[in-house]
Structure formats: C-alpha cells, structure tokens
C-alpha atoms as a PDB file:
ATOM      1  CA  UNK A   1      77.035 148.448  39.259  1.00  0.00           C
ATOM      2  CA  UNK A   2      79.805 149.436  41.673  1.00  0.00           C
ATOM      3  CA  UNK A   3      77.298 149.876  44.540  1.00  0.00           C
ATOM      4  CA  UNK A   4      75.861 146.457  43.965  1.00  0.00           C
ATOM      5  CA  UNK A   5      79.348 144.883  43.885  1.00  0.00           C
ATOM      6  CA  UNK A   6      80.170 146.651  47.110  1.00  0.00           C
ATOM      7  CA  UNK A   7      76.955 145.255  48.727  1.00  0.00           C
ATOM      8  CA  UNK A   8      77.885 141.725  47.637  1.00  0.00           C
ATOM      9  CA  UNK A   9      81.325 142.169  49.179  1.00  0.00           C
ATOM     10  CA  UNK A  10      79.888 143.349  52.492  1.00  0.00           C
ATOM     11  CA  UNK A  11      77.271 140.430  52.551  1.00  0.00           C
ATOM     12  CA  UNK A  12      80.053 138.057  51.797  1.00  0.00           C
ATOM     13  CA  UNK A  13      82.144 139.381  54.636  1.00  0.00           C
ATOM     14  CA  UNK A  14      79.181 139.181  57.033  1.00  0.00           C
ATOM     15  CA  UNK A  15      78.493 135.495  55.885  1.00  0.00           C
ATOM     16  CA  UNK A  16      82.070 134.608  56.545  1.00  0.00           C
ATOM     17  CA  UNK A  17      81.913 136.231  59.942  1.00  0.00           C
ATOM     18  CA  UNK A  18      78.618 134.324  60.742  1.00  0.00           C
ATOM     19  CA  UNK A  19      80.121 131.106  59.668  1.00  0.00           C
ATOM     20  CA  UNK A  20      83.305 131.631  61.787  1.00  0.00           C
ATOM     21  CA  UNK A  21      81.155 132.320  64.812  1.00  0.00           C
ATOM     22  CA  UNK A  22      78.721 129.452  64.228  1.00  0.00           C
ATOM     23  CA  UNK A  23      81.450 126.639  63.637  1.00  0.00           C
ATOM     24  CA  UNK A  24      83.693 125.638  66.581  1.00  0.00           C
ATOM     25  CA  UNK A  25      85.968 122.628  66.662  1.00  0.00           C
ATOM     26  CA  UNK A  26      86.770 121.234  70.104  1.00  0.00           C
ATOM     27  CA  UNK A  27      89.564 118.856  70.968  1.00  0.00           C
ATOM     28  CA  UNK A  28      89.092 115.393  72.745  1.00  0.00           C
ATOM     29  CA  UNK A  29      89.900 116.929  76.030  1.00  0.00           C
ATOM     30  CA  UNK A  30      87.629 119.971  75.735  1.00  0.00           C
ATOM     31  CA  UNK A  31      83.883 120.492  76.240  1.00  0.00           C
ATOM     32  CA  UNK A  32      81.807 123.556  75.210  1.00  0.00           C
ATOM     33  CA  UNK A  33      79.215 124.861  77.514  1.00  0.00           C
ATOM     34  CA  UNK A  34      76.285 126.490  75.154  1.00  0.00           C
ATOM     35  CA  UNK A  35      74.368 129.532  76.376  1.00  0.00           C
ATOM     36  CA  UNK A  36      71.368 130.534  74.106  1.00  0.00           C
ATOM     37  CA  UNK A  37      70.309 134.290  74.989  1.00  0.00           C
ATOM     38  CA  UNK A  38      71.924 133.646  78.330  1.00  0.00           C
ATOM     39  CA  UNK A  39      70.188 130.513  79.219  1.00  0.00           C
ATOM     40  CA  UNK A  40      72.341 127.304  79.531  1.00  0.00           C
ATOM     41  CA  UNK A  41      71.084 124.689  77.124  1.00  0.00           C
ATOM     42  CA  UNK A  42      73.638 121.958  76.666  1.00  0.00           C
ATOM     43  CA  UNK A  43      77.294 120.806  76.963  1.00  0.00           C
ATOM     44  CA  UNK A  44      78.693 119.671  73.696  1.00  0.00           C
ATOM     45  CA  UNK A  45      82.053 118.285  72.260  1.00  0.00           C
ATOM     46  CA  UNK A  46      84.535 117.039  71.296  1.00  0.00           C
ATOM     47  CA  UNK A  47      84.472 117.503  67.580  1.00  0.00           C
ATOM     48  CA  UNK A  48      82.464 120.021  65.304  1.00  0.00           C
ATOM     49  CA  UNK A  49      80.048 122.204  66.981  1.00  0.00           C
ATOM     50  CA  UNK A  50      77.483 124.359  65.197  1.00  0.00           C
ATOM     51  CA  UNK A  51      76.163 127.401  66.948  1.00  0.00           C
ATOM     52  CA  UNK A  52      73.514 129.948  65.970  1.00  0.00           C
ATOM     53  CA  UNK A  53      75.272 133.130  65.116  1.00  0.00           C
ATOM     54  CA  UNK A  54      74.639 136.100  67.658  1.00  0.00           C
ATOM     55  CA  UNK A  55      72.360 133.890  69.579  1.00  0.00           C
ATOM     56  CA  UNK A  56      74.390 131.172  70.961  1.00  0.00           C
ATOM     57  CA  UNK A  57      77.612 131.650  73.208  1.00  0.00           C
ATOM     58  CA  UNK A  58      80.052 128.799  74.039  1.00  0.00           C
ATOM     59  CA  UNK A  59      82.368 128.763  76.989  1.00  0.00           C
ATOM     60  CA  UNK A  60      85.215 126.320  76.457  1.00  0.00           C
ATOM     61  CA  UNK A  61      86.283 124.071  79.428  1.00  0.00           C
ATOM     62  CA  UNK A  62      89.449 122.022  79.614  1.00  0.00           C
ATOM     63  CA  UNK A  63      88.970 118.564  81.236  1.00  0.00           C
ATOM     64  CA  UNK A  64      92.728 117.762  81.689  1.00  0.00           C
ATOM     65  CA  UNK A  65      94.235 117.476  85.041  1.00  0.00           C
ATOM     66  CA  UNK A  66      95.537 121.056  86.321  1.00  0.00           C
ATOM     67  CA  UNK A  67      98.851 121.287  88.317  1.00  0.00           C
ATOM     68  CA  UNK A  68      98.415 124.068  90.911  1.00  0.00           C
ATOM     69  CA  UNK A  69     101.381 125.445  92.565  1.00  0.00           C
ATOM     70  CA  UNK A  70     100.382 126.761  95.998  1.00  0.00           C
ATOM     71  CA  UNK A  71     102.466 129.660  96.908  1.00  0.00           C
ATOM     72  CA  UNK A  72     104.461 129.454 100.166  1.00  0.00           C
ATOM     73  CA  UNK A  73     102.253 130.133 103.224  1.00  0.00           C
ATOM     74  CA  UNK A  74     103.553 131.576 106.461  1.00  0.00           C
ATOM     75  CA  UNK A  75     102.304 128.894 109.234  1.00  0.00           C
ATOM     76  CA  UNK A  76     102.689 128.791 112.935  1.00  0.00           C
ATOM     77  CA  UNK A  77     102.619 125.250 114.100  1.00  0.00           C
ATOM     78  CA  UNK A  78     100.801 124.120 117.210  1.00  0.00           C
ATOM     79  CA  UNK A  79     103.907 124.110 119.164  1.00  0.00           C
ATOM     80  CA  UNK A  80     104.483 127.828 118.105  1.00  0.00           C
ATOM     81  CA  UNK A  81     107.302 127.236 115.408  1.00  0.00           C
ATOM     82  CA  UNK A  82     107.054 129.699 112.519  1.00  0.00           C
ATOM     83  CA  UNK A  83     107.572 127.948 109.080  1.00  0.00           C
ATOM     84  CA  UNK A  84     107.038 128.506 105.467  1.00  0.00           C
ATOM     85  CA  UNK A  85     105.230 125.875 103.533  1.00  0.00           C
ATOM     86  CA  UNK A  86     104.460 125.463  99.907  1.00  0.00           C
ATOM     87  CA  UNK A  87     102.558 122.644  98.046  1.00  0.00           C
ATOM     88  CA  UNK A  88     101.252 121.407  94.849  1.00  0.00           C
ATOM     89  CA  UNK A  89      97.521 120.345  94.058  1.00  0.00           C
ATOM     90  CA  UNK A  90      96.239 118.250  91.345  1.00  0.00           C
ATOM     91  CA  UNK A  91      92.476 118.683  90.207  1.00  0.00           C
ATOM     92  CA  UNK A  92      90.421 118.397  87.096  1.00  0.00           C
ATOM     93  CA  UNK A  93      86.886 119.612  85.999  1.00  0.00           C
ATOM     94  CA  UNK A  94      84.268 116.604  86.150  1.00  0.00           C
ATOM     95  CA  UNK A  95      81.118 118.655  85.606  1.00  0.00           C
ATOM     96  CA  UNK A  96      81.588 121.450  82.860  1.00  0.00           C
ATOM     97  CA  UNK A  97      78.257 122.941  83.754  1.00  0.00           C
ATOM     98  CA  UNK A  98      78.699 123.651  87.281  1.00  0.00           C
ATOM     99  CA  UNK A  99      82.380 124.679  86.704  1.00  0.00           C
ATOM    100  CA  UNK A 100      81.134 127.693  84.667  1.00  0.00           C
ATOM    101  CA  UNK A 101      77.707 128.308  86.255  1.00  0.00           C
ATOM    102  CA  UNK A 102      78.405 127.724  90.180  1.00  0.00           C
ATOM    103  CA  UNK A 103      81.668 129.784  90.309  1.00  0.00           C
ATOM    104  CA  UNK A 104      82.916 132.825  88.546  1.00  0.00           C
ATOM    105  CA  UNK A 105      86.548 131.412  88.104  1.00  0.00           C
ATOM    106  CA  UNK A 106      87.125 127.916  89.188  1.00  0.00           C
ATOM    107  CA  UNK A 107      90.945 128.099  88.922  1.00  0.00           C
ATOM    108  CA  UNK A 108      91.261 131.213  91.139  1.00  0.00           C
ATOM    109  CA  UNK A 109      88.654 129.762  93.624  1.00  0.00           C
ATOM    110  CA  UNK A 110      90.434 126.368  93.832  1.00  0.00           C
ATOM    111  CA  UNK A 111      93.688 128.103  94.378  1.00  0.00           C
ATOM    112  CA  UNK A 112      92.139 130.264  97.199  1.00  0.00           C
ATOM    113  CA  UNK A 113      90.599 127.334  98.913  1.00  0.00           C
ATOM    114  CA  UNK A 114      93.871 125.349  98.712  1.00  0.00           C
ATOM    115  CA  UNK A 115      95.843 128.191 100.413  1.00  0.00           C
ATOM    116  CA  UNK A 116      93.371 128.570 103.150  1.00  0.00           C
ATOM    117  CA  UNK A 117      93.229 124.796 103.797  1.00  0.00           C
ATOM    118  CA  UNK A 118      96.958 124.516 104.026  1.00  0.00           C
ATOM    119  CA  UNK A 119      97.343 127.143 106.582  1.00  0.00           C
ATOM    120  CA  UNK A 120      94.444 125.829 108.669  1.00  0.00           C
ATOM    121  CA  UNK A 121      95.616 122.058 108.553  1.00  0.00           C
ATOM    122  CA  UNK A 122      99.256 122.817 109.224  1.00  0.00           C
ATOM    123  CA  UNK A 123      98.542 125.220 111.870  1.00  0.00           C
ATOM    124  CA  UNK A 124      96.963 122.360 113.982  1.00  0.00           C
ATOM    125  CA  UNK A 125     100.072 120.123 113.643  1.00  0.00           C
ATOM    126  CA  UNK A 126     103.300 120.080 115.514  1.00  0.00           C
ATOM    127  CA  UNK A 127     106.606 120.636 113.795  1.00  0.00           C
ATOM    128  CA  UNK A 128     107.539 116.941 114.279  1.00  0.00           C
ATOM    129  CA  UNK A 129     104.450 115.851 112.635  1.00  0.00           C
ATOM    130  CA  UNK A 130     104.815 118.416 109.670  1.00  0.00           C
ATOM    131  CA  UNK A 131     108.239 116.770 109.040  1.00  0.00           C
ATOM    132  CA  UNK A 132     107.384 113.104 109.663  1.00  0.00           C
ATOM    133  CA  UNK A 133     103.644 112.648 108.790  1.00  0.00           C
ATOM    134  CA  UNK A 134     103.324 114.215 105.401  1.00  0.00           C
ATOM    135  CA  UNK A 135     101.366 111.363 103.947  1.00  0.00           C
ATOM    136  CA  UNK A 136      98.657 111.883 106.558  1.00  0.00           C
ATOM    137  CA  UNK A 137      98.679 115.638 106.258  1.00  0.00           C
ATOM    138  CA  UNK A 138      98.568 115.213 102.371  1.00  0.00           C
ATOM    139  CA  UNK A 139      95.330 113.077 102.656  1.00  0.00           C
ATOM    140  CA  UNK A 140      93.761 115.422 105.093  1.00  0.00           C
ATOM    141  CA  UNK A 141      94.335 118.579 102.850  1.00  0.00           C
ATOM    142  CA  UNK A 142      93.074 116.654  99.650  1.00  0.00           C
ATOM    143  CA  UNK A 143      89.936 115.599 101.626  1.00  0.00           C
ATOM    144  CA  UNK A 144      89.206 119.177 102.903  1.00  0.00           C
ATOM    145  CA  UNK A 145      89.950 120.890  99.378  1.00  0.00           C
ATOM    146  CA  UNK A 146      87.961 118.271  97.543  1.00  0.00           C
ATOM    147  CA  UNK A 147      84.866 118.810  99.745  1.00  0.00           C
ATOM    148  CA  UNK A 148      85.012 122.497  99.114  1.00  0.00           C
ATOM    149  CA  UNK A 149      85.428 122.227  95.378  1.00  0.00           C
ATOM    150  CA  UNK A 150      82.802 119.475  94.871  1.00  0.00           C
ATOM    151  CA  UNK A 151      79.837 121.724  94.503  1.00  0.00           C
ATOM    152  CA  UNK A 152      81.804 123.614  91.574  1.00  0.00           C
ATOM    153  CA  UNK A 153      82.228 120.235  89.633  1.00  0.00           C
ATOM    154  CA  UNK A 154      85.941 120.121  90.426  1.00  0.00           C
ATOM    155  CA  UNK A 155      87.695 116.970  91.584  1.00  0.00           C
ATOM    156  CA  UNK A 156      90.850 117.361  93.654  1.00  0.00           C
ATOM    157  CA  UNK A 157      92.930 114.141  93.115  1.00  0.00           C
ATOM    158  CA  UNK A 158      96.016 114.836  95.068  1.00  0.00           C
ATOM    159  CA  UNK A 159      97.853 117.286  97.375  1.00  0.00           C
ATOM    160  CA  UNK A 160     101.540 117.161  98.148  1.00  0.00           C
ATOM    161  CA  UNK A 161     103.478 119.212 100.577  1.00  0.00           C
ATOM    162  CA  UNK A 162     106.789 120.191  98.891  1.00  0.00           C
ATOM    163  CA  UNK A 163     108.977 122.179 101.046  1.00  0.00           C
ATOM    164  CA  UNK A 164     109.059 123.083 104.703  1.00  0.00           C
ATOM    165  CA  UNK A 165     111.310 125.960 105.629  1.00  0.00           C
ATOM    166  CA  UNK A 166     112.029 126.771 109.327  1.00  0.00           C
ATOM    167  CA  UNK A 167     114.246 129.371 111.166  1.00  0.00           C
ATOM    168  CA  UNK A 168     117.920 128.763 110.985  1.00  0.00           C
ATOM    169  CA  UNK A 169     118.095 128.847 114.747  1.00  0.00           C
ATOM    170  CA  UNK A 170     115.614 125.997 114.948  1.00  0.00           C
ATOM    171  CA  UNK A 171     117.486 123.896 112.451  1.00  0.00           C
ATOM    172  CA  UNK A 172     120.614 124.155 114.814  1.00  0.00           C
ATOM    173  CA  UNK A 173     118.444 123.106 117.632  1.00  0.00           C
ATOM    174  CA  UNK A 174     117.121 120.133 115.791  1.00  0.00           C
ATOM    175  CA  UNK A 175     120.593 119.104 114.668  1.00  0.00           C
ATOM    176  CA  UNK A 176     121.807 119.179 118.369  1.00  0.00           C
ATOM    177  CA  UNK A 177     118.862 117.287 119.310  1.00  0.00           C
ATOM    178  CA  UNK A 178     119.516 114.607 116.532  1.00  0.00           C
ATOM    179  CA  UNK A 179     123.052 114.356 117.787  1.00  0.00           C
ATOM    180  CA  UNK A 180     122.225 113.775 121.423  1.00  0.00           C
ATOM    181  CA  UNK A 181     119.562 111.123 120.240  1.00  0.00           C
ATOM    182  CA  UNK A 182     122.352 109.308 118.348  1.00  0.00           C
ATOM    183  CA  UNK A 183     124.711 109.492 121.374  1.00  0.00           C
ATOM    184  CA  UNK A 184     121.959 108.061 123.614  1.00  0.00           C
ATOM    185  CA  UNK A 185     121.337 105.075 121.109  1.00  0.00           C
ATOM    186  CA  UNK A 186     125.268 104.486 121.017  1.00  0.00           C
ATOM    187  CA  UNK A 187     125.321 104.389 124.835  1.00  0.00           C
ATOM    188  CA  UNK A 188     122.359 102.015 125.006  1.00  0.00           C
ATOM    189  CA  UNK A 189     123.781  99.709 122.122  1.00  0.00           C
ATOM    190  CA  UNK A 190     127.221  99.601 124.081  1.00  0.00           C
ATOM    191  CA  UNK A 191     125.702  98.888 127.481  1.00  0.00           C
ATOM    192  CA  UNK A 192     123.569  96.118 126.046  1.00  0.00           C
ATOM    193  CA  UNK A 193     126.688  94.650 124.517  1.00  0.00           C
ATOM    194  CA  UNK A 194     128.554  94.696 127.753  1.00  0.00           C
ATOM    195  CA  UNK A 195     125.607  93.183 129.530  1.00  0.00           C
ATOM    196  CA  UNK A 196     125.387  90.426 126.958  1.00  0.00           C
ATOM    197  CA  UNK A 197     129.134  89.722 127.268  1.00  0.00           C
ATOM    198  CA  UNK A 198     128.932  89.604 131.066  1.00  0.00           C
ATOM    199  CA  UNK A 199     125.923  87.245 130.737  1.00  0.00           C
ATOM    200  CA  UNK A 200     127.806  84.855 128.521  1.00  0.00           C
ATOM    201  CA  UNK A 201     131.004  84.963 130.994  1.00  0.00           C
ATOM    202  CA  UNK A 202     128.563  84.034 133.813  1.00  0.00           C
ATOM    203  CA  UNK A 203     127.245  81.172 131.880  1.00  0.00           C
ATOM    204  CA  UNK A 204     130.600  79.908 131.011  1.00  0.00           C
ATOM    205  CA  UNK A 205     131.848  80.314 134.590  1.00  0.00           C
ATOM    206  CA  UNK A 206     128.810  78.127 135.775  1.00  0.00           C
ATOM    207  CA  UNK A 207     129.581  75.463 133.156  1.00  0.00           C
ATOM    208  CA  UNK A 208     133.418  75.396 134.045  1.00  0.00           C
ATOM    209  CA  UNK A 209     132.528  75.347 137.797  1.00  0.00           C
ATOM    210  CA  UNK A 210     130.296  72.152 137.221  1.00  0.00           C
ATOM    211  CA  UNK A 211     133.074  70.227 135.281  1.00  0.00           C
ATOM    212  CA  UNK A 212     136.631  70.810 136.434  1.00  0.00           C
ATOM    213  CA  UNK A 213     137.924  69.109 133.250  1.00  0.00           C
ATOM    214  CA  UNK A 214     136.568  72.109 131.266  1.00  0.00           C
ATOM    215  CA  UNK A 215     138.920  74.360 133.216  1.00  0.00           C
ATOM    216  CA  UNK A 216     141.917  72.210 132.468  1.00  0.00           C
ATOM    217  CA  UNK A 217     140.933  72.287 128.813  1.00  0.00           C
ATOM    218  CA  UNK A 218     140.708  75.987 128.762  1.00  0.00           C
ATOM    219  CA  UNK A 219     144.008  76.230 130.614  1.00  0.00           C
ATOM    220  CA  UNK A 220     145.833  74.039 127.911  1.00  0.00           C
ATOM    221  CA  UNK A 221     144.260  76.192 125.107  1.00  0.00           C
ATOM    222  CA  UNK A 222     145.475  79.426 126.773  1.00  0.00           C
ATOM    223  CA  UNK A 223     149.109  77.754 126.792  1.00  0.00           C
ATOM    224  CA  UNK A 224     148.733  77.142 123.065  1.00  0.00           C
ATOM    225  CA  UNK A 225     147.673  80.581 122.422  1.00  0.00           C
ATOM    226  CA  UNK A 226     150.698  81.983 124.447  1.00  0.00           C
ATOM    227  CA  UNK A 227     153.145  79.538 122.700  1.00  0.00           C
ATOM    228  CA  UNK A 228     151.822  80.631 119.127  1.00  0.00           C
ATOM    229  CA  UNK A 229     153.233  84.134 119.713  1.00  0.00           C
ATOM    230  CA  UNK A 230     156.892  84.954 119.276  1.00  0.00           C
ATOM    231  CA  UNK A 231     157.776  85.870 122.892  1.00  0.00           C
ATOM    232  CA  UNK A 232     161.058  85.454 124.666  1.00  0.00           C
ATOM    233  CA  UNK A 233     159.444  84.881 127.992  1.00  0.00           C
ATOM    234  CA  UNK A 234     156.607  82.389 128.569  1.00  0.00           C
ATOM    235  CA  UNK A 235     154.744  82.552 131.922  1.00  0.00           C
ATOM    236  CA  UNK A 236     153.007  79.449 132.927  1.00  0.00           C
ATOM    237  CA  UNK A 237     150.133  80.160 135.394  1.00  0.00           C
ATOM    238  CA  UNK A 238     149.488  77.481 137.900  1.00  0.00           C
ATOM    239  CA  UNK A 239     146.540  77.126 140.191  1.00  0.00           C
ATOM    240  CA  UNK A 240     147.410  77.649 143.913  1.00  0.00           C
ATOM    241  CA  UNK A 241     145.922  74.300 144.772  1.00  0.00           C
ATOM    242  CA  UNK A 242     148.650  72.626 142.599  1.00  0.00           C
ATOM    243  CA  UNK A 243     151.686  74.328 144.227  1.00  0.00           C
ATOM    244  CA  UNK A 244     150.424  74.367 147.657  1.00  0.00           C
ATOM    245  CA  UNK A 245     151.423  70.730 148.639  1.00  0.00           C
ATOM    246  CA  UNK A 246     155.064  71.516 147.506  1.00  0.00           C
ATOM    247  CA  UNK A 247     155.112  74.609 149.708  1.00  0.00           C
ATOM    248  CA  UNK A 248     153.861  72.569 152.743  1.00  0.00           C
ATOM    249  CA  UNK A 249     156.294  69.705 151.994  1.00  0.00           C
ATOM    250  CA  UNK A 250     159.106  72.508 152.029  1.00  0.00           C
ATOM    251  CA  UNK A 251     158.084  73.562 155.442  1.00  0.00           C
ATOM    252  CA  UNK A 252     156.429  76.681 154.455  1.00  0.00           C
ATOM    253  CA  UNK A 253     152.998  78.166 155.312  1.00  0.00           C
ATOM    254  CA  UNK A 254     150.041  77.985 153.258  1.00  0.00           C
ATOM    255  CA  UNK A 255     149.210  80.961 151.028  1.00  0.00           C
ATOM    256  CA  UNK A 256     146.112  81.683 152.822  1.00  0.00           C
ATOM    257  CA  UNK A 257     148.040  82.263 156.054  1.00  0.00           C
ATOM    258  CA  UNK A 258     150.008  85.575 155.999  1.00  0.00           C
ATOM    259  CA  UNK A 259     153.524  85.494 157.172  1.00  0.00           C
ATOM    260  CA  UNK A 260     154.141  86.623 160.798  1.00  0.00           C
ATOM    261  CA  UNK A 261     155.610  90.124 161.221  1.00  0.00           C
END
C-alpha cells in the first residue's frame, strides 16, 4: 500500500512538472519562437501558449524598444584630432524568427555593429563637423547600423551622439579661436557703423550745399543747443563770409591773404 502511494506521488509530481513545462503565458509585448525537436515551427503569443512536454522548446523574445548605450570609443577625426565619443541607439525586434535563428545573440551583435559604425563614420568627419553637424551624423549612423541589422529582424529607429570629449589643449585652442572670431566680428560691425555714419554725413552735406537755408537752420539749432546748457561763456560761431565785409571796411585784409611779415 505504501509503495502504491509513493508511486502515485511520483506520478503526480511528474504530471505537475509536465504541465508547468507545457503551459506558458506571454505578455502583450512578448512573442514565443517554438522549436519542435529542434525545428522551427511557429511564433506564438501573446496570451496562453500550450507546448508538448519534452518535445517543444520556446524561446521568448521581447518586442519593446531597447535602449543601447554605446560605450566611449576612441576616434581620430579626419583632421587628426583624438577624441572620445559615446552614443545611444534605440532598436527593436520586428521579426522574432530571424532574431533567434539568424544570429546567436542579437543584443550583443547590435552593440558590436554600433561601436564599429561609430568609429568608422566619425573617423571620416572633421572635428568641426563632429561638433556642428550631429544631426547629419546621427542619420548616417542610423542608416548604416540599420542596414547591418536588417537580416537579423532588428530595426534601428534612432542613434544619438551624446558626448564628445577632446584634449584640454585642443579646448584651449578652440577657445582662443572663438575669441578671435568674436573680436573680428566686433571690428567688422564697428567699421560698418562708421561707414554708415560717414555716408549719412556725406548725404547731409550734399543736401545742405544745395540749399543754404538748411545751413542757417542748422546754425540756429546749434545755438539753441548751446544755450540750453548752463554755461558761463557762450561762443557764437560766425561764418567768415559774414565778418569779411566788416574787416574790409575797417581797412584790414581778407582772411584769405596772410599778413605781410
């Protein structure tokens, strides 16, 4: 009797183990690649999945977008500047069968492809392009990595360059270059302002020369401006053609003739 009871217990445990191995539950973002005796038969999920115990084997695949941090890569740009660049890539599995069958470990393979592409693309760019044209470089990286991972059923949706580290000596040189560029722009703006002011003065002189009354009005306006200030001495500037008749009437010589020595 005890022997029969022990056999029943062993059978019950065996049945429970078989049921546990044959019943699987997959979440909404998961898929199960089913192999029967080593042969791929189907992809199932999400929900309840029934397997034949000891015959079927299921490999679970996550369909959510994966954030892959690409470790810093030592890159020498086209203009021979050493730099350390890291990036982040976003990808997801679009074909569960190929992701399991075509590559041993699609996560590791995608990471290695991303590192290789990062060194290759950035090594062809100059430092100025690396700092100023990140959007173009990101698109080029995304295209190259996606073309490499497409046979594995992996879709790379985006690649973003995060940090670019350059030697401290190069940073100081770039700071000096930026300062010189700002000084150059300031001088250009100052010279343009002086040129415009001189042009306006020339235009004003041309207008006054054609209309003497404008000169008299400007003269009166200057007197008003001088009188508005609290000065103890007021100087009235007079044109030479105004005082010249008085000088001649007094028997003097014109201002244009220097006195005899």
